[in-house]
């Protein structure tokens, strides 16, 4: 036993910078949580323009379609107000989508 090499088991990983590390579980979980939050934040920042473009497309269709539906009830022109509002909403939504995509 005196001349045999010692066997060391590292439970929490390996760091390229410092070699094998033995940290407590709380620190490892905190670092892992921090990396996860940072990755989520990066992904949300990169998805921002695409999310804004999709929300403007959906919002314009719903808003202008709703206005057309309201005009149908107010003026009694069913279904032409709804159809006109939906068409105008789709045109406006795709215009805003194209503007967001092509003006990067």
N, C-alpha and C. Protein backbone atom coordinates (compact mmCIF):
# COMPACT_ATOMS: atom_id res chain seq x y z
N UNK A 1 0.80 -1.18 0.00
CA UNK A 1 0.00 0.00 0.00
C UNK A 1 0.85 1.26 0.00
N UNK A 2 2.04 1.19 0.46
CA UNK A 2 2.85 2.38 0.57
C UNK A 2 3.30 2.89 -0.79
N UNK A 3 3.54 2.00 -1.78
CA UNK A 3 4.03 2.43 -3.07
C UNK A 3 2.94 2.57 -4.13
N UNK A 4 1.70 2.28 -3.79
CA UNK A 4 0.62 2.34 -4.78
C UNK A 4 0.11 3.77 -4.96
N UNK A 5 -0.27 4.12 -6.19
CA UNK A 5 -0.80 5.46 -6.41
C UNK A 5 -2.19 5.60 -5.79
N UNK A 6 -2.49 6.78 -5.34
CA UNK A 6 -3.80 7.04 -4.74
C UNK A 6 -4.84 7.20 -5.84
N UNK A 7 -6.03 6.69 -5.60
CA UNK A 7 -7.14 6.82 -6.53
C UNK A 7 -8.00 7.98 -6.05
N UNK A 8 -8.18 8.96 -6.93
CA UNK A 8 -8.97 10.14 -6.59
C UNK A 8 -10.18 10.17 -7.51
N UNK A 9 -11.34 10.31 -6.92
CA UNK A 9 -12.58 10.39 -7.69
C UNK A 9 -13.10 11.82 -7.58
N UNK A 10 -13.31 12.45 -8.74
CA UNK A 10 -13.86 13.79 -8.79
C UNK A 10 -15.33 13.69 -9.15
N UNK A 11 -16.16 14.20 -8.29
CA UNK A 11 -17.60 14.03 -8.47
C UNK A 11 -18.26 15.13 -9.27
N UNK A 12 -17.70 16.29 -9.34
CA UNK A 12 -18.43 17.43 -9.90
C UNK A 12 -17.86 17.96 -11.19
N UNK A 13 -16.99 17.26 -11.89
CA UNK A 13 -16.59 17.70 -13.20
C UNK A 13 -15.13 18.07 -13.34
N UNK A 14 -14.85 18.66 -14.46
CA UNK A 14 -13.48 18.99 -14.82
C UNK A 14 -13.49 20.38 -15.43
N UNK A 15 -12.60 21.20 -15.00
CA UNK A 15 -12.48 22.54 -15.54
C UNK A 15 -11.20 22.62 -16.35
N UNK A 16 -11.30 23.08 -17.60
CA UNK A 16 -10.12 23.19 -18.46
C UNK A 16 -9.09 24.14 -17.87
N UNK A 17 -9.56 25.17 -17.25
CA UNK A 17 -8.69 26.22 -16.75
C UNK A 17 -7.95 25.78 -15.48
N UNK A 18 -8.65 25.12 -14.60
CA UNK A 18 -8.06 24.82 -13.29
C UNK A 18 -7.80 23.34 -13.07
N UNK A 19 -8.17 22.49 -14.00
CA UNK A 19 -8.01 21.06 -13.78
C UNK A 19 -9.23 20.52 -13.04
N UNK A 20 -9.10 19.35 -12.45
CA UNK A 20 -10.23 18.76 -11.74
C UNK A 20 -10.66 19.64 -10.56
N UNK A 21 -11.95 19.79 -10.41
CA UNK A 21 -12.46 20.61 -9.32
C UNK A 21 -13.43 19.80 -8.48
N UNK A 22 -13.42 20.10 -7.22
CA UNK A 22 -14.40 19.51 -6.33
C UNK A 22 -15.11 20.67 -5.65
N UNK A 23 -16.28 20.98 -6.14
CA UNK A 23 -17.05 22.04 -5.54
C UNK A 23 -18.23 21.43 -4.81
N UNK A 24 -18.87 22.22 -4.01
CA UNK A 24 -20.04 21.67 -3.38
C UNK A 24 -21.21 21.75 -4.35
N UNK A 25 -22.26 21.01 -4.09
CA UNK A 25 -23.40 20.90 -5.01
C UNK A 25 -24.09 22.25 -5.18
N UNK A 26 -24.14 23.07 -4.15
CA UNK A 26 -24.83 24.35 -4.23
C UNK A 26 -24.16 25.27 -5.25
N UNK A 27 -22.83 25.35 -5.22
CA UNK A 27 -22.12 26.20 -6.18
C UNK A 27 -22.28 25.70 -7.61
N UNK A 28 -22.24 24.38 -7.79
CA UNK A 28 -22.40 23.82 -9.12
C UNK A 28 -23.81 24.10 -9.66
N UNK A 29 -24.82 23.95 -8.83
CA UNK A 29 -26.18 24.25 -9.27
C UNK A 29 -26.35 25.73 -9.58
N UNK A 30 -25.74 26.59 -8.80
CA UNK A 30 -25.85 28.02 -9.03
C UNK A 30 -25.17 28.41 -10.36
N UNK A 31 -24.02 27.83 -10.63
CA UNK A 31 -23.35 28.12 -11.91
C UNK A 31 -24.15 27.59 -13.08
N UNK A 32 -24.71 26.39 -12.93
CA UNK A 32 -25.53 25.81 -13.99
C UNK A 32 -26.78 26.65 -14.22
N UNK A 33 -27.40 27.10 -13.15
CA UNK A 33 -28.58 27.96 -13.25
C UNK A 33 -28.23 29.27 -13.93
N UNK A 34 -27.10 29.84 -13.58
CA UNK A 34 -26.67 31.09 -14.19
C UNK A 34 -26.41 30.94 -15.68
N UNK A 35 -25.77 29.84 -16.08
CA UNK A 35 -25.54 29.60 -17.50
C UNK A 35 -26.85 29.40 -18.24
N UNK A 36 -27.80 28.72 -17.63
CA UNK A 36 -29.11 28.50 -18.26
C UNK A 36 -29.85 29.81 -18.46
N UNK A 37 -29.82 30.67 -17.46
CA UNK A 37 -30.49 31.97 -17.57
C UNK A 37 -29.82 32.82 -18.64
N UNK A 38 -28.51 32.79 -18.71
CA UNK A 38 -27.77 33.57 -19.72
C UNK A 38 -28.11 33.06 -21.13
N UNK A 39 -28.19 31.75 -21.31
CA UNK A 39 -28.54 31.20 -22.62
C UNK A 39 -29.97 31.57 -23.01
N UNK A 40 -30.88 31.54 -22.05
CA UNK A 40 -32.26 31.94 -22.32
C UNK A 40 -32.33 33.41 -22.73
N UNK A 41 -31.62 34.25 -22.02
CA UNK A 41 -31.61 35.68 -22.34
C UNK A 41 -31.05 35.92 -23.74
N UNK A 42 -30.00 35.23 -24.11
CA UNK A 42 -29.41 35.38 -25.43
C UNK A 42 -30.39 34.95 -26.52
N UNK A 43 -31.08 33.84 -26.30
CA UNK A 43 -32.05 33.36 -27.29
C UNK A 43 -33.23 34.31 -27.43
N UNK A 44 -33.70 34.86 -26.33
CA UNK A 44 -34.81 35.80 -26.39
C UNK A 44 -34.39 37.07 -27.12
N UNK A 45 -33.18 37.55 -26.88
CA UNK A 45 -32.70 38.75 -27.58
C UNK A 45 -32.58 38.52 -29.08
N UNK A 46 -32.14 37.33 -29.48
CA UNK A 46 -32.03 37.04 -30.90
C UNK A 46 -33.39 36.84 -31.55
N UNK A 47 -34.39 36.37 -30.80
CA UNK A 47 -35.71 36.12 -31.36
C UNK A 47 -36.60 37.35 -31.33
N UNK A 48 -36.14 38.45 -30.77
CA UNK A 48 -36.95 39.66 -30.63
C UNK A 48 -37.55 40.18 -31.91
N UNK A 49 -36.76 40.40 -32.96
CA UNK A 49 -37.34 40.93 -34.20
C UNK A 49 -38.36 39.98 -34.84
N UNK A 50 -38.10 38.69 -34.81
CA UNK A 50 -39.05 37.73 -35.38
C UNK A 50 -40.34 37.70 -34.57
N UNK A 51 -40.24 37.79 -33.27
CA UNK A 51 -41.44 37.80 -32.42
C UNK A 51 -42.25 39.07 -32.66
N UNK A 52 -41.58 40.20 -32.78
CA UNK A 52 -42.30 41.45 -33.04
C UNK A 52 -43.01 41.41 -34.38
N UNK A 53 -42.36 40.84 -35.40
CA UNK A 53 -42.99 40.75 -36.72
C UNK A 53 -44.20 39.84 -36.69
N UNK A 54 -44.10 38.72 -36.00
CA UNK A 54 -45.25 37.81 -35.94
C UNK A 54 -46.39 38.41 -35.13
N UNK A 55 -46.08 39.13 -34.06
CA UNK A 55 -47.14 39.77 -33.28
C UNK A 55 -47.84 40.86 -34.08
N UNK A 56 -47.09 41.60 -34.89
CA UNK A 56 -47.72 42.64 -35.69
C UNK A 56 -48.61 42.03 -36.77
N UNK A 57 -48.20 40.91 -37.34
CA UNK A 57 -49.04 40.23 -38.34
C UNK A 57 -50.34 39.75 -37.71
N UNK A 58 -50.25 39.06 -36.60
CA UNK A 58 -51.44 38.54 -35.93
C UNK A 58 -52.30 39.68 -35.41
N UNK A 59 -51.68 40.68 -34.82
CA UNK A 59 -52.43 41.80 -34.27
C UNK A 59 -53.20 42.58 -35.32
N UNK A 60 -52.57 42.81 -36.46
CA UNK A 60 -53.27 43.58 -37.50
C UNK A 60 -54.45 42.80 -38.06
N UNK A 61 -54.32 41.49 -38.23
CA UNK A 61 -55.44 40.69 -38.73
C UNK A 61 -56.57 40.69 -37.72
N UNK A 62 -56.27 40.49 -36.46
CA UNK A 62 -57.31 40.45 -35.43
C UNK A 62 -57.97 41.82 -35.25
N UNK A 63 -57.17 42.87 -35.19
CA UNK A 63 -57.72 44.21 -34.98
C UNK A 63 -58.59 44.67 -36.14
N UNK A 64 -58.06 44.57 -37.35
CA UNK A 64 -58.83 45.04 -38.50
C UNK A 64 -60.00 44.11 -38.82
N UNK A 65 -59.84 42.83 -38.57
CA UNK A 65 -60.98 41.92 -38.71
C UNK A 65 -62.08 42.23 -37.71
N UNK A 66 -61.69 42.56 -36.48
CA UNK A 66 -62.67 42.96 -35.47
C UNK A 66 -63.36 44.25 -35.81
N UNK A 67 -62.61 45.21 -36.36
CA UNK A 67 -63.23 46.47 -36.79
C UNK A 67 -64.22 46.23 -37.93
N UNK A 68 -63.87 45.34 -38.84
CA UNK A 68 -64.78 45.00 -39.93
C UNK A 68 -66.04 44.32 -39.42
N UNK A 69 -65.87 43.45 -38.45
CA UNK A 69 -67.02 42.77 -37.84
C UNK A 69 -67.92 43.78 -37.14
N UNK A 70 -67.32 44.74 -36.46
CA UNK A 70 -68.10 45.79 -35.80
C UNK A 70 -68.84 46.65 -36.81
N UNK A 71 -68.20 46.97 -37.92
CA UNK A 71 -68.87 47.74 -38.98
C UNK A 71 -70.03 46.96 -39.57
N UNK A 72 -69.88 45.63 -39.69
CA UNK A 72 -71.00 44.81 -40.17
C UNK A 72 -72.21 44.93 -39.26
N UNK A 73 -72.00 44.87 -37.97
CA UNK A 73 -73.12 44.99 -37.03
C UNK A 73 -73.69 46.40 -37.03
N UNK A 74 -72.85 47.39 -37.15
CA UNK A 74 -73.30 48.79 -37.10
C UNK A 74 -74.09 49.18 -38.34
N UNK A 75 -73.55 48.78 -39.53
CA UNK A 75 -74.19 49.19 -40.77
C UNK A 75 -75.06 48.11 -41.41
N UNK A 76 -75.01 46.88 -40.90
CA UNK A 76 -75.82 45.79 -41.45
C UNK A 76 -75.35 45.32 -42.81
N UNK A 77 -74.06 45.26 -43.02
CA UNK A 77 -73.51 44.87 -44.32
C UNK A 77 -72.83 43.50 -44.27
N UNK A 78 -73.35 42.59 -43.51
CA UNK A 78 -72.73 41.28 -43.32
C UNK A 78 -72.51 40.60 -44.67
N UNK A 79 -71.44 40.01 -44.97
CA UNK A 79 -70.14 39.81 -44.34
C UNK A 79 -69.06 40.72 -44.91
N UNK A 80 -69.43 41.77 -45.62
CA UNK A 80 -68.44 42.54 -46.37
C UNK A 80 -67.50 43.34 -45.48
N UNK A 81 -67.94 43.83 -44.38
CA UNK A 81 -67.04 44.54 -43.48
C UNK A 81 -65.98 43.62 -42.91
N UNK A 82 -66.40 42.41 -42.52
CA UNK A 82 -65.46 41.43 -41.98
C UNK A 82 -64.45 41.02 -43.05
N UNK A 83 -64.93 40.74 -44.25
CA UNK A 83 -64.03 40.33 -45.33
C UNK A 83 -63.04 41.46 -45.65
N UNK A 84 -63.55 42.68 -45.77
CA UNK A 84 -62.65 43.81 -46.05
C UNK A 84 -61.64 44.04 -44.93
N UNK A 85 -62.09 43.91 -43.67
CA UNK A 85 -61.18 44.08 -42.54
C UNK A 85 -60.10 43.01 -42.50
N UNK A 86 -60.48 41.76 -42.80
CA UNK A 86 -59.50 40.68 -42.81
C UNK A 86 -58.49 40.85 -43.94
N UNK A 87 -58.97 41.25 -45.12
CA UNK A 87 -58.05 41.46 -46.24
C UNK A 87 -57.10 42.60 -45.93
N UNK A 88 -57.63 43.69 -45.43
CA UNK A 88 -56.78 44.83 -45.08
C UNK A 88 -55.79 44.44 -43.95
N UNK A 89 -56.25 43.63 -43.00
CA UNK A 89 -55.37 43.16 -41.92
C UNK A 89 -54.24 42.28 -42.43
N UNK A 90 -54.54 41.39 -43.37
CA UNK A 90 -53.50 40.53 -43.93
C UNK A 90 -52.48 41.35 -44.72
N UNK A 91 -52.98 42.29 -45.52
CA UNK A 91 -52.06 43.14 -46.31
C UNK A 91 -51.17 43.96 -45.38
N UNK A 92 -51.77 44.57 -44.37
CA UNK A 92 -50.99 45.38 -43.42
C UNK A 92 -50.01 44.51 -42.64
N UNK A 93 -50.46 43.35 -42.21
CA UNK A 93 -49.58 42.45 -41.45
C UNK A 93 -48.39 41.98 -42.25
N UNK A 94 -48.62 41.60 -43.50
CA UNK A 94 -47.49 41.17 -44.32
C UNK A 94 -46.56 42.32 -44.68
N UNK A 95 -47.11 43.52 -44.81
CA UNK A 95 -46.24 44.68 -45.03
C UNK A 95 -45.32 44.88 -43.83
N UNK A 96 -45.88 44.82 -42.63
CA UNK A 96 -45.05 44.99 -41.43
C UNK A 96 -44.05 43.86 -41.25
N UNK A 97 -44.46 42.64 -41.62
CA UNK A 97 -43.55 41.50 -41.56
C UNK A 97 -42.39 41.68 -42.53
N UNK A 98 -42.70 42.09 -43.76
CA UNK A 98 -41.64 42.30 -44.75
C UNK A 98 -40.71 43.43 -44.33
N UNK A 99 -41.29 44.48 -43.77
CA UNK A 99 -40.47 45.61 -43.30
C UNK A 99 -39.51 45.16 -42.20
N UNK A 100 -39.98 44.32 -41.30
CA UNK A 100 -39.12 43.86 -40.19
C UNK A 100 -38.04 42.91 -40.68
N UNK A 101 -38.34 42.11 -41.68
CA UNK A 101 -37.37 41.12 -42.17
C UNK A 101 -36.33 41.76 -43.08
N UNK A 102 -36.75 42.64 -43.99
CA UNK A 102 -35.84 43.18 -44.98
C UNK A 102 -35.05 44.38 -44.52
N UNK A 103 -35.44 45.03 -43.46
CA UNK A 103 -34.72 46.22 -43.02
C UNK A 103 -33.76 45.95 -41.88
N UNK A 104 -33.14 44.78 -41.88
CA UNK A 104 -32.20 44.45 -40.81
C UNK A 104 -30.91 45.16 -41.01
